[in-house]
PDB file of N, CA and C in Angstrom:
ATOM      1  N   UNK A   1     -17.368  -4.119   5.443  1.00  0.00           N
ATOM      2  CA  UNK A   1     -16.628  -3.971   4.204  1.00  0.00           C
ATOM      3  C   UNK A   1     -15.245  -3.398   4.513  1.00  0.00           C
ATOM      4  N   UNK A   2     -14.221  -4.019   3.981  1.00  0.00           N
ATOM      5  CA  UNK A   2     -12.838  -3.569   4.169  1.00  0.00           C
ATOM      6  C   UNK A   2     -12.442  -2.741   2.956  1.00  0.00           C
ATOM      7  N   UNK A   3     -12.106  -1.494   3.214  1.00  0.00           N
ATOM      8  CA  UNK A   3     -11.748  -0.549   2.143  1.00  0.00           C
ATOM      9  C   UNK A   3     -10.251  -0.635   1.858  1.00  0.00           C
ATOM     10  N   UNK A   4      -9.906  -0.909   0.594  1.00  0.00           N
ATOM     11  CA  UNK A   4      -8.513  -1.185   0.218  1.00  0.00           C
ATOM     12  C   UNK A   4      -8.039  -0.185  -0.833  1.00  0.00           C
ATOM     13  N   UNK A   5      -6.821   0.330  -0.618  1.00  0.00           N
ATOM     14  CA  UNK A   5      -6.106   1.140  -1.608  1.00  0.00           C
ATOM     15  C   UNK A   5      -4.969   0.284  -2.137  1.00  0.00           C
ATOM     16  N   UNK A   6      -4.927   0.065  -3.445  1.00  0.00           N
ATOM     17  CA  UNK A   6      -3.908  -0.782  -4.074  1.00  0.00           C
ATOM     18  C   UNK A   6      -2.827   0.101  -4.674  1.00  0.00           C
ATOM     19  N   UNK A   7      -1.564  -0.176  -4.296  1.00  0.00           N
ATOM     20  CA  UNK A   7      -0.446   0.665  -4.710  1.00  0.00           C
ATOM     21  C   UNK A   7       0.629  -0.174  -5.395  1.00  0.00           C
ATOM     22  N   UNK A   8       0.949   0.185  -6.628  1.00  0.00           N
ATOM     23  CA  UNK A   8       2.060  -0.436  -7.362  1.00  0.00           C
ATOM     24  C   UNK A   8       2.397   0.476  -8.524  1.00  0.00           C
ATOM     25  N   UNK A   9       3.672   0.588  -8.850  1.00  0.00           N
ATOM     26  CA  UNK A   9       4.055   1.465  -9.948  1.00  0.00           C
ATOM     27  C   UNK A   9       3.758   0.855 -11.317  1.00  0.00           C
ATOM     28  N   UNK A  10       3.431  -0.422 -11.364  1.00  0.00           N
ATOM     29  CA  UNK A  10       3.094  -1.072 -12.625  1.00  0.00           C
ATOM     30  C   UNK A  10       1.575  -1.199 -12.744  1.00  0.00           C
ATOM     31  N   UNK A  11       1.032  -0.570 -13.771  1.00  0.00           N
ATOM     32  CA  UNK A  11      -0.421  -0.524 -13.936  1.00  0.00           C
ATOM     33  C   UNK A  11      -1.040  -1.916 -14.042  1.00  0.00           C
ATOM     34  N   UNK A  12      -0.404  -2.809 -14.751  1.00  0.00           N
ATOM     35  CA  UNK A  12      -0.945  -4.156 -14.919  1.00  0.00           C
ATOM     36  C   UNK A  12      -1.058  -4.885 -13.571  1.00  0.00           C
ATOM     37  N   UNK A  13      -0.071  -4.704 -12.706  1.00  0.00           N
ATOM     38  CA  UNK A  13      -0.101  -5.320 -11.372  1.00  0.00           C
ATOM     39  C   UNK A  13      -1.234  -4.713 -10.553  1.00  0.00           C
ATOM     40  N   UNK A  14      -1.362  -3.391 -10.571  1.00  0.00           N
ATOM     41  CA  UNK A  14      -2.458  -2.728  -9.841  1.00  0.00           C
ATOM     42  C   UNK A  14      -3.813  -3.231 -10.303  1.00  0.00           C
ATOM     43  N   UNK A  15      -3.999  -3.277 -11.598  1.00  0.00           N
ATOM     44  CA  UNK A  15      -5.288  -3.723 -12.134  1.00  0.00           C
ATOM     45  C   UNK A  15      -5.563  -5.177 -11.770  1.00  0.00           C
ATOM     46  N   UNK A  16      -4.532  -6.015 -11.838  1.00  0.00           N
ATOM     47  CA  UNK A  16      -4.707  -7.426 -11.496  1.00  0.00           C
ATOM     48  C   UNK A  16      -5.082  -7.620 -10.040  1.00  0.00           C
ATOM     49  N   UNK A  17      -4.362  -6.942  -9.148  1.00  0.00           N
ATOM     50  CA  UNK A  17      -4.668  -7.043  -7.718  1.00  0.00           C
ATOM     51  C   UNK A  17      -6.050  -6.485  -7.402  1.00  0.00           C
ATOM     52  N   UNK A  18      -6.365  -5.351  -7.996  1.00  0.00           N
ATOM     53  CA  UNK A  18      -7.684  -4.748  -7.764  1.00  0.00           C
ATOM     54  C   UNK A  18      -8.787  -5.668  -8.259  1.00  0.00           C
ATOM     55  N   UNK A  19      -8.596  -6.229  -9.441  1.00  0.00           N
ATOM     56  CA  UNK A  19      -9.595  -7.134 -10.000  1.00  0.00           C
ATOM     57  C   UNK A  19      -9.790  -8.373  -9.151  1.00  0.00           C
ATOM     58  N   UNK A  20      -8.695  -8.922  -8.677  1.00  0.00           N
ATOM     59  CA  UNK A  20      -8.762 -10.121  -7.840  1.00  0.00           C
ATOM     60  C   UNK A  20      -9.458  -9.834  -6.512  1.00  0.00           C
ATOM     61  N   UNK A  21      -9.051  -8.759  -5.859  1.00  0.00           N
ATOM     62  CA  UNK A  21      -9.654  -8.417  -4.571  1.00  0.00           C
ATOM     63  C   UNK A  21     -11.124  -8.018  -4.703  1.00  0.00           C
ATOM     64  N   UNK A  22     -11.481  -7.412  -5.816  1.00  0.00           N
ATOM     65  CA  UNK A  22     -12.861  -6.971  -6.024  1.00  0.00           C
ATOM     66  C   UNK A  22     -13.831  -8.146  -6.128  1.00  0.00           C
ATOM     67  N   UNK A  23     -13.325  -9.333  -6.401  1.00  0.00           N
ATOM     68  CA  UNK A  23     -14.201 -10.506  -6.479  1.00  0.00           C
ATOM     69  C   UNK A  23     -14.589 -11.025  -5.105  1.00  0.00           C
ATOM     70  N   UNK A  24     -13.922 -10.536  -4.077  1.00  0.00           N
ATOM     71  CA  UNK A  24     -14.191 -10.979  -2.712  1.00  0.00           C
ATOM     72  C   UNK A  24     -15.251 -10.077  -2.079  1.00  0.00           C
ATOM     73  N   UNK A  25     -16.275 -10.673  -1.483  1.00  0.00           N
ATOM     74  CA  UNK A  25     -17.392  -9.862  -0.982  1.00  0.00           C
ATOM     75  C   UNK A  25     -17.045  -8.918   0.169  1.00  0.00           C
ATOM     76  N   UNK A  26     -15.971  -9.173   0.890  1.00  0.00           N
ATOM     77  CA  UNK A  26     -15.635  -8.329   2.037  1.00  0.00           C
ATOM     78  C   UNK A  26     -14.711  -7.159   1.695  1.00  0.00           C
ATOM     79  N   UNK A  27     -14.266  -7.077   0.444  1.00  0.00           N
ATOM     80  CA  UNK A  27     -13.335  -6.021   0.045  1.00  0.00           C
ATOM     81  C   UNK A  27     -13.984  -5.027  -0.903  1.00  0.00           C
ATOM     82  N   UNK A  28     -13.674  -3.752  -0.663  1.00  0.00           N
ATOM     83  CA  UNK A  28     -14.058  -2.685  -1.585  1.00  0.00           C
ATOM     84  C   UNK A  28     -12.783  -1.961  -1.992  1.00  0.00           C
ATOM     85  N   UNK A  29     -12.472  -1.949  -3.277  1.00  0.00           N
ATOM     86  CA  UNK A  29     -11.299  -1.227  -3.773  1.00  0.00           C
ATOM     87  C   UNK A  29     -11.707   0.237  -3.903  1.00  0.00           C
ATOM     88  N   UNK A  30     -11.115   1.074  -3.050  1.00  0.00           N
ATOM     89  CA  UNK A  30     -11.494   2.494  -3.047  1.00  0.00           C
ATOM     90  C   UNK A  30     -10.605   3.328  -3.935  1.00  0.00           C
ATOM     91  N   UNK A  31      -9.449   2.770  -4.355  1.00  0.00           N
ATOM     92  CA  UNK A  31      -8.564   3.521  -5.219  1.00  0.00           C
ATOM     93  C   UNK A  31      -7.290   2.779  -5.517  1.00  0.00           C
ATOM     94  N   UNK A  32      -6.510   3.387  -6.410  1.00  0.00           N
ATOM     95  CA  UNK A  32      -5.207   2.860  -6.800  1.00  0.00           C
ATOM     96  C   UNK A  32      -4.230   4.023  -6.850  1.00  0.00           C
ATOM     97  N   UNK A  33      -2.953   3.709  -6.628  1.00  0.00           N
ATOM     98  CA  UNK A  33      -1.905   4.731  -6.715  1.00  0.00           C
ATOM     99  C   UNK A  33      -0.650   4.095  -7.307  1.00  0.00           C
ATOM    100  N   UNK A  34       0.159   4.912  -7.981  1.00  0.00           N
ATOM    101  CA  UNK A  34       1.366   4.423  -8.650  1.00  0.00           C
ATOM    102  C   UNK A  34       2.655   4.913  -8.004  1.00  0.00           C
ATOM    103  N   UNK A  35       2.548   5.878  -7.084  1.00  0.00           N
ATOM    104  CA  UNK A  35       3.732   6.419  -6.421  1.00  0.00           C
ATOM    105  C   UNK A  35       3.453   6.572  -4.930  1.00  0.00           C
ATOM    106  N   UNK A  36       4.508   6.669  -4.169  1.00  0.00           N
ATOM    107  CA  UNK A  36       4.344   6.886  -2.739  1.00  0.00           C
ATOM    108  C   UNK A  36       3.675   8.204  -2.428  1.00  0.00           C
ATOM    109  N   UNK A  37       4.056   9.239  -3.153  1.00  0.00           N
ATOM    110  CA  UNK A  37       3.472  10.557  -2.928  1.00  0.00           C
ATOM    111  C   UNK A  37       1.975  10.543  -3.215  1.00  0.00           C
ATOM    112  N   UNK A  38       1.575   9.902  -4.315  1.00  0.00           N
ATOM    113  CA  UNK A  38       0.158   9.791  -4.641  1.00  0.00           C
ATOM    114  C   UNK A  38      -0.575   8.941  -3.606  1.00  0.00           C
ATOM    115  N   UNK A  39       0.096   7.919  -3.092  1.00  0.00           N
ATOM    116  CA  UNK A  39      -0.505   7.058  -2.077  1.00  0.00           C
ATOM    117  C   UNK A  39      -0.877   7.852  -0.836  1.00  0.00           C
ATOM    118  N   UNK A  40       0.033   8.668  -0.356  1.00  0.00           N
ATOM    119  CA  UNK A  40      -0.233   9.484   0.838  1.00  0.00           C
ATOM    120  C   UNK A  40      -1.429  10.404   0.594  1.00  0.00           C
ATOM    121  N   UNK A  41      -1.469  11.031  -0.578  1.00  0.00           N
ATOM    122  CA  UNK A  41      -2.592  11.911  -0.917  1.00  0.00           C
ATOM    123  C   UNK A  41      -3.902  11.125  -0.987  1.00  0.00           C
ATOM    124  N   UNK A  42      -3.856   9.916  -1.557  1.00  0.00           N
ATOM    125  CA  UNK A  42      -5.064   9.090  -1.667  1.00  0.00           C
ATOM    126  C   UNK A  42      -5.555   8.648  -0.286  1.00  0.00           C
ATOM    127  N   UNK A  43      -4.616   8.315   0.603  1.00  0.00           N
ATOM    128  CA  UNK A  43      -5.016   7.924   1.963  1.00  0.00           C
ATOM    129  C   UNK A  43      -5.737   9.084   2.641  1.00  0.00           C
ATOM    130  N   UNK A  44      -5.217  10.288   2.493  1.00  0.00           N
ATOM    131  CA  UNK A  44      -5.868  11.467   3.079  1.00  0.00           C
ATOM    132  C   UNK A  44      -7.274  11.642   2.527  1.00  0.00           C
ATOM    133  N   UNK A  45      -7.424  11.431   1.239  1.00  0.00           N
ATOM    134  CA  UNK A  45      -8.695  11.675   0.559  1.00  0.00           C
ATOM    135  C   UNK A  45      -9.704  10.544   0.731  1.00  0.00           C
ATOM    136  N   UNK A  46      -9.226   9.286   0.706  1.00  0.00           N
ATOM    137  CA  UNK A  46     -10.133   8.136   0.642  1.00  0.00           C
ATOM    138  C   UNK A  46     -10.345   7.399   1.964  1.00  0.00           C
ATOM    139  N   UNK A  47      -9.468   7.594   2.929  1.00  0.00           N
ATOM    140  CA  UNK A  47      -9.544   6.914   4.225  1.00  0.00           C
ATOM    141  C   UNK A  47      -9.737   5.398   4.107  1.00  0.00           C
ATOM    142  N   UNK A  48      -8.795   4.698   3.453  1.00  0.00           N
ATOM    143  CA  UNK A  48      -8.932   3.243   3.359  1.00  0.00           C
ATOM    144  C   UNK A  48      -8.638   2.588   4.706  1.00  0.00           C
ATOM    145  N   UNK A  49      -9.084   1.345   4.851  1.00  0.00           N
ATOM    146  CA  UNK A  49      -8.730   0.563   6.036  1.00  0.00           C
ATOM    147  C   UNK A  49      -7.354  -0.059   5.869  1.00  0.00           C
ATOM    148  N   UNK A  50      -7.056  -0.472   4.624  1.00  0.00           N
ATOM    149  CA  UNK A  50      -5.801  -1.154   4.314  1.00  0.00           C
ATOM    150  C   UNK A  50      -5.178  -0.543   3.074  1.00  0.00           C
ATOM    151  N   UNK A  51      -3.859  -0.389   3.112  1.00  0.00           N
ATOM    152  CA  UNK A  51      -3.092  -0.026   1.921  1.00  0.00           C
ATOM    153  C   UNK A  51      -2.236  -1.239   1.566  1.00  0.00           C
ATOM    154  N   UNK A  52      -2.459  -1.780   0.368  1.00  0.00           N
ATOM    155  CA  UNK A  52      -1.633  -2.860  -0.145  1.00  0.00           C
ATOM    156  C   UNK A  52      -0.522  -2.181  -0.931  1.00  0.00           C
ATOM    157  N   UNK A  53       0.688  -2.112  -0.325  1.00  0.00           N
ATOM    158  CA  UNK A  53       1.755  -1.220  -0.761  1.00  0.00           C
ATOM    159  C   UNK A  53       2.901  -1.940  -1.458  1.00  0.00           C
ATOM    160  N   UNK A  54       3.213  -1.486  -2.672  1.00  0.00           N
ATOM    161  CA  UNK A  54       4.447  -1.905  -3.342  1.00  0.00           C
ATOM    162  C   UNK A  54       5.600  -1.235  -2.607  1.00  0.00           C
ATOM    163  N   UNK A  55       6.703  -1.933  -2.460  1.00  0.00           N
ATOM    164  CA  UNK A  55       7.814  -1.381  -1.676  1.00  0.00           C
ATOM    165  C   UNK A  55       8.792  -0.564  -2.527  1.00  0.00           C
ATOM    166  N   UNK A  56       8.984  -0.966  -3.769  1.00  0.00           N
ATOM    167  CA  UNK A  56       9.929  -0.249  -4.639  1.00  0.00           C
ATOM    168  C   UNK A  56       9.174   0.466  -5.741  1.00  0.00           C
ATOM    169  N   UNK A  57       9.223   1.804  -5.653  1.00  0.00           N
ATOM    170  CA  UNK A  57       8.585   2.651  -6.654  1.00  0.00           C
ATOM    171  C   UNK A  57       9.506   3.840  -6.884  1.00  0.00           C
ATOM    172  N   UNK A  58       9.447   4.439  -8.061  1.00  0.00           N
ATOM    173  CA  UNK A  58      10.270   5.626  -8.301  1.00  0.00           C
ATOM    174  C   UNK A  58       9.810   6.795  -7.431  1.00  0.00           C
ATOM    175  N   UNK A  59      10.730   7.666  -7.114  1.00  0.00           N
ATOM    176  CA  UNK A  59      10.394   8.822  -6.273  1.00  0.00           C
ATOM    177  C   UNK A  59      10.239   8.389  -4.837  1.00  0.00           C
ATOM    178  N   UNK A  60       9.109   8.735  -4.244  1.00  0.00           N
ATOM    179  CA  UNK A  60       8.812   8.329  -2.873  1.00  0.00           C
ATOM    180  C   UNK A  60       8.463   6.846  -2.897  1.00  0.00           C
ATOM    181  N   UNK A  61       9.322   6.015  -2.293  1.00  0.00           N
ATOM    182  CA  UNK A  61       9.097   4.570  -2.347  1.00  0.00           C
ATOM    183  C   UNK A  61       8.105   4.120  -1.271  1.00  0.00           C
ATOM    184  N   UNK A  62       7.815   2.821  -1.257  1.00  0.00           N
ATOM    185  CA  UNK A  62       6.845   2.278  -0.323  1.00  0.00           C
ATOM    186  C   UNK A  62       7.260   2.362   1.129  1.00  0.00           C
ATOM    187  N   UNK A  63       8.565   2.340   1.385  1.00  0.00           N
ATOM    188  CA  UNK A  63       9.050   2.440   2.762  1.00  0.00           C
ATOM    189  C   UNK A  63       8.753   3.826   3.330  1.00  0.00           C
ATOM    190  N   UNK A  64       9.077   4.852   2.578  1.00  0.00           N
ATOM    191  CA  UNK A  64       8.832   6.225   3.027  1.00  0.00           C
ATOM    192  C   UNK A  64       7.321   6.476   3.131  1.00  0.00           C
ATOM    193  N   UNK A  65       6.564   6.017   2.154  1.00  0.00           N
ATOM    194  CA  UNK A  65       5.109   6.194   2.197  1.00  0.00           C
ATOM    195  C   UNK A  65       4.521   5.461   3.396  1.00  0.00           C
ATOM    196  N   UNK A  66       5.029   4.268   3.699  1.00  0.00           N
ATOM    197  CA  UNK A  66       4.555   3.518   4.873  1.00  0.00           C
ATOM    198  C   UNK A  66       4.804   4.315   6.141  1.00  0.00           C
ATOM    199  N   UNK A  67       5.989   4.876   6.273  1.00  0.00           N
ATOM    200  CA  UNK A  67       6.309   5.681   7.460  1.00  0.00           C
ATOM    201  C   UNK A  67       5.349   6.849   7.604  1.00  0.00           C
ATOM    202  N   UNK A  68       5.123   7.572   6.523  1.00  0.00           N
ATOM    203  CA  UNK A  68       4.246   8.742   6.580  1.00  0.00           C
ATOM    204  C   UNK A  68       2.807   8.353   6.909  1.00  0.00           C
ATOM    205  N   UNK A  69       2.330   7.296   6.289  1.00  0.00           N
ATOM    206  CA  UNK A  69       0.951   6.863   6.524  1.00  0.00           C
ATOM    207  C   UNK A  69       0.777   6.400   7.965  1.00  0.00           C
ATOM    208  N   UNK A  70       1.706   5.591   8.453  1.00  0.00           N
ATOM    209  CA  UNK A  70       1.592   5.074   9.823  1.00  0.00           C
ATOM    210  C   UNK A  70       1.709   6.177  10.870  1.00  0.00           C
ATOM    211  N   UNK A  71       2.474   7.230  10.574  1.00  0.00           N
ATOM    212  CA  UNK A  71       2.593   8.355  11.504  1.00  0.00           C
ATOM    213  C   UNK A  71       1.349   9.236  11.488  1.00  0.00           C
ATOM    214  N   UNK A  72       0.789   9.450  10.313  1.00  0.00           N
ATOM    215  CA  UNK A  72      -0.321  10.393  10.174  1.00  0.00           C
ATOM    216  C   UNK A  72      -1.706   9.768  10.331  1.00  0.00           C
ATOM    217  N   UNK A  73      -1.824   8.476  10.034  1.00  0.00           N
ATOM    218  CA  UNK A  73      -3.134   7.815   9.998  1.00  0.00           C
ATOM    219  C   UNK A  73      -3.038   6.489  10.754  1.00  0.00           C
ATOM    220  N   UNK A  74      -3.117   6.553  12.055  1.00  0.00           N
ATOM    221  CA  UNK A  74      -2.894   5.374  12.901  1.00  0.00           C
ATOM    222  C   UNK A  74      -3.876   4.243  12.646  1.00  0.00           C
ATOM    223  N   UNK A  75      -5.064   4.538  12.172  1.00  0.00           N
ATOM    224  CA  UNK A  75      -6.050   3.476  11.960  1.00  0.00           C
ATOM    225  C   UNK A  75      -5.843   2.724  10.640  1.00  0.00           C
ATOM    226  N   UNK A  76      -5.029   3.271   9.740  1.00  0.00           N
ATOM    227  CA  UNK A  76      -4.793   2.631   8.439  1.00  0.00           C
ATOM    228  C   UNK A  76      -3.702   1.581   8.589  1.00  0.00           C
ATOM    229  N   UNK A  77      -3.992   0.376   8.106  1.00  0.00           N
ATOM    230  CA  UNK A  77      -3.019  -0.722   8.146  1.00  0.00           C
ATOM    231  C   UNK A  77      -2.316  -0.799   6.796  1.00  0.00           C
ATOM    232  N   UNK A  78      -0.993  -0.979   6.824  1.00  0.00           N
ATOM    233  CA  UNK A  78      -0.213  -1.095   5.598  1.00  0.00           C
ATOM    234  C   UNK A  78       0.301  -2.515   5.480  1.00  0.00           C
ATOM    235  N   UNK A  79      -0.006  -3.151   4.356  1.00  0.00           N
ATOM    236  CA  UNK A  79       0.526  -4.464   4.027  1.00  0.00           C
ATOM    237  C   UNK A  79       1.449  -4.277   2.835  1.00  0.00           C
ATOM    238  N   UNK A  80       2.710  -4.626   2.997  1.00  0.00           N
ATOM    239  CA  UNK A  80       3.703  -4.414   1.948  1.00  0.00           C
ATOM    240  C   UNK A  80       3.754  -5.634   1.045  1.00  0.00           C
ATOM    241  N   UNK A  81       3.709  -5.373  -0.240  1.00  0.00           N
ATOM    242  CA  UNK A  81       3.762  -6.419  -1.251  1.00  0.00           C
ATOM    243  C   UNK A  81       5.036  -6.219  -2.072  1.00  0.00           C
ATOM    244  N   UNK A  82       5.868  -7.260  -2.155  1.00  0.00           N
ATOM    245  CA  UNK A  82       7.092  -7.130  -2.925  1.00  0.00           C
ATOM    246  C   UNK A  82       7.536  -8.472  -3.483  1.00  0.00           C
ATOM    247  N   UNK A  83       8.192  -8.422  -4.614  1.00  0.00           N
ATOM    248  CA  UNK A  83       8.813  -9.621  -5.181  1.00  0.00           C
ATOM    249  C   UNK A  83      10.317  -9.595  -4.953  1.00  0.00           C
ATOM    250  N   UNK A  84      10.811  -8.520  -4.374  1.00  0.00           N
ATOM    251  CA  UNK A  84      12.240  -8.368  -4.124  1.00  0.00           C
ATOM    252  C   UNK A  84      12.624  -9.015  -2.801  1.00  0.00           C
ATOM    253  N   UNK A  85      13.764  -9.656  -2.779  1.00  0.00           N
ATOM    254  CA  UNK A  85      14.285 -10.269  -1.562  1.00  0.00           C
ATOM    255  C   UNK A  85      15.319  -9.311  -0.972  1.00  0.00           C
ATOM    256  N   UNK A  86      14.837  -8.207  -0.429  1.00  0.00           N
ATOM    257  CA  UNK A  86      15.713  -7.159   0.089  1.00  0.00           C
ATOM    258  C   UNK A  86      15.412  -6.954   1.571  1.00  0.00           C
ATOM    259  N   UNK A  87      16.240  -7.514   2.416  1.00  0.00           N
ATOM    260  CA  UNK A  87      16.037  -7.477   3.857  1.00  0.00           C
ATOM    261  C   UNK A  87      15.989  -6.051   4.394  1.00  0.00           C
ATOM    262  N   UNK A  88      16.805  -5.152   3.842  1.00  0.00           N
ATOM    263  CA  UNK A  88      16.816  -3.767   4.328  1.00  0.00           C
ATOM    264  C   UNK A  88      15.452  -3.102   4.137  1.00  0.00           C
ATOM    265  N   UNK A  89      14.879  -3.243   2.939  1.00  0.00           N
ATOM    266  CA  UNK A  89      13.564  -2.656   2.690  1.00  0.00           C
ATOM    267  C   UNK A  89      12.521  -3.250   3.626  1.00  0.00           C
ATOM    268  N   UNK A  90      12.544  -4.561   3.767  1.00  0.00           N
ATOM    269  CA  UNK A  90      11.565  -5.244   4.619  1.00  0.00           C
ATOM    270  C   UNK A  90      11.691  -4.769   6.064  1.00  0.00           C
ATOM    271  N   UNK A  91      12.901  -4.740   6.579  1.00  0.00           N
ATOM    272  CA  UNK A  91      13.120  -4.299   7.966  1.00  0.00           C
ATOM    273  C   UNK A  91      12.693  -2.855   8.169  1.00  0.00           C
ATOM    274  N   UNK A  92      13.013  -1.989   7.222  1.00  0.00           N
ATOM    275  CA  UNK A  92      12.615  -0.587   7.345  1.00  0.00           C
ATOM    276  C   UNK A  92      11.098  -0.446   7.337  1.00  0.00           C
ATOM    277  N   UNK A  93      10.446  -1.154   6.419  1.00  0.00           N
ATOM    278  CA  UNK A  93       8.983  -1.057   6.347  1.00  0.00           C
ATOM    279  C   UNK A  93       8.330  -1.522   7.644  1.00  0.00           C
ATOM    280  N   UNK A  94       8.825  -2.617   8.199  1.00  0.00           N
ATOM    281  CA  UNK A  94       8.284  -3.118   9.472  1.00  0.00           C
ATOM    282  C   UNK A  94       8.562  -2.130  10.605  1.00  0.00           C
ATOM    283  N   UNK A  95       9.747  -1.555  10.621  1.00  0.00           N
ATOM    284  CA  UNK A  95      10.110  -0.578  11.641  1.00  0.00           C
ATOM    285  C   UNK A  95       9.193   0.637  11.603  1.00  0.00           C
ATOM    286  N   UNK A  96       8.791   1.019  10.404  1.00  0.00           N
ATOM    287  CA  UNK A  96       7.952   2.212  10.234  1.00  0.00           C
ATOM    288  C   UNK A  96       6.469   1.919  10.386  1.00  0.00           C
ATOM    289  N   UNK A  97       6.091   0.652  10.591  1.00  0.00           N
ATOM    290  CA  UNK A  97       4.689   0.380  10.901  1.00  0.00           C
ATOM    291  C   UNK A  97       3.958  -0.574   9.990  1.00  0.00           C
ATOM    292  N   UNK A  98       4.624  -1.136   8.971  1.00  0.00           N
ATOM    293  CA  UNK A  98       3.931  -2.108   8.124  1.00  0.00           C
ATOM    294  C   UNK A  98       3.478  -3.278   8.994  1.00  0.00           C
ATOM    295  N   UNK A  99       2.299  -3.780   8.729  1.00  0.00           N
ATOM    296  CA  UNK A  99       1.736  -4.875   9.529  1.00  0.00           C
ATOM    297  C   UNK A  99       2.142  -6.235   9.015  1.00  0.00           C
ATOM    298  N   UNK A 100       2.454  -6.324   7.723  1.00  0.00           N
ATOM    299  CA  UNK A 100       2.839  -7.616   7.141  1.00  0.00           C
ATOM    300  C   UNK A 100       3.610  -7.368   5.864  1.00  0.00           C
ATOM    301  N   UNK A 101       4.434  -8.320   5.513  1.00  0.00           N
ATOM    302  CA  UNK A 101       5.173  -8.283   4.251  1.00  0.00           C
ATOM    303  C   UNK A 101       4.764  -9.531   3.471  1.00  0.00           C
ATOM    304  N   UNK A 102       4.288  -9.329   2.268  1.00  0.00           N
ATOM    305  CA  UNK A 102       3.857 -10.464   1.437  1.00  0.00           C
ATOM    306  C   UNK A 102       4.772 -10.586   0.235  1.00  0.00           C
TER     307      UNK A 102
END
């Protein structure tokens, strides 16, 4: 079972992604977060295998959260999810340890 933490500042997007992934037999949604700061706390508490990370969020964004998670929790994989075509964000997230950008 792959344990997934879904992160997006928009509740409807989080619920949609969680609902979609929950239909797959190999995924277990262990939690959701709306901010980068909450994401880091949830990773500490829930120990997911994968964080599906929104890149642009108010406060601590997905890039900073990705850096912190990859530095502190080497076994956790971060997959960045974004609708923005922003090369700087994408490059920073990859530099800090994101495994994929979707």
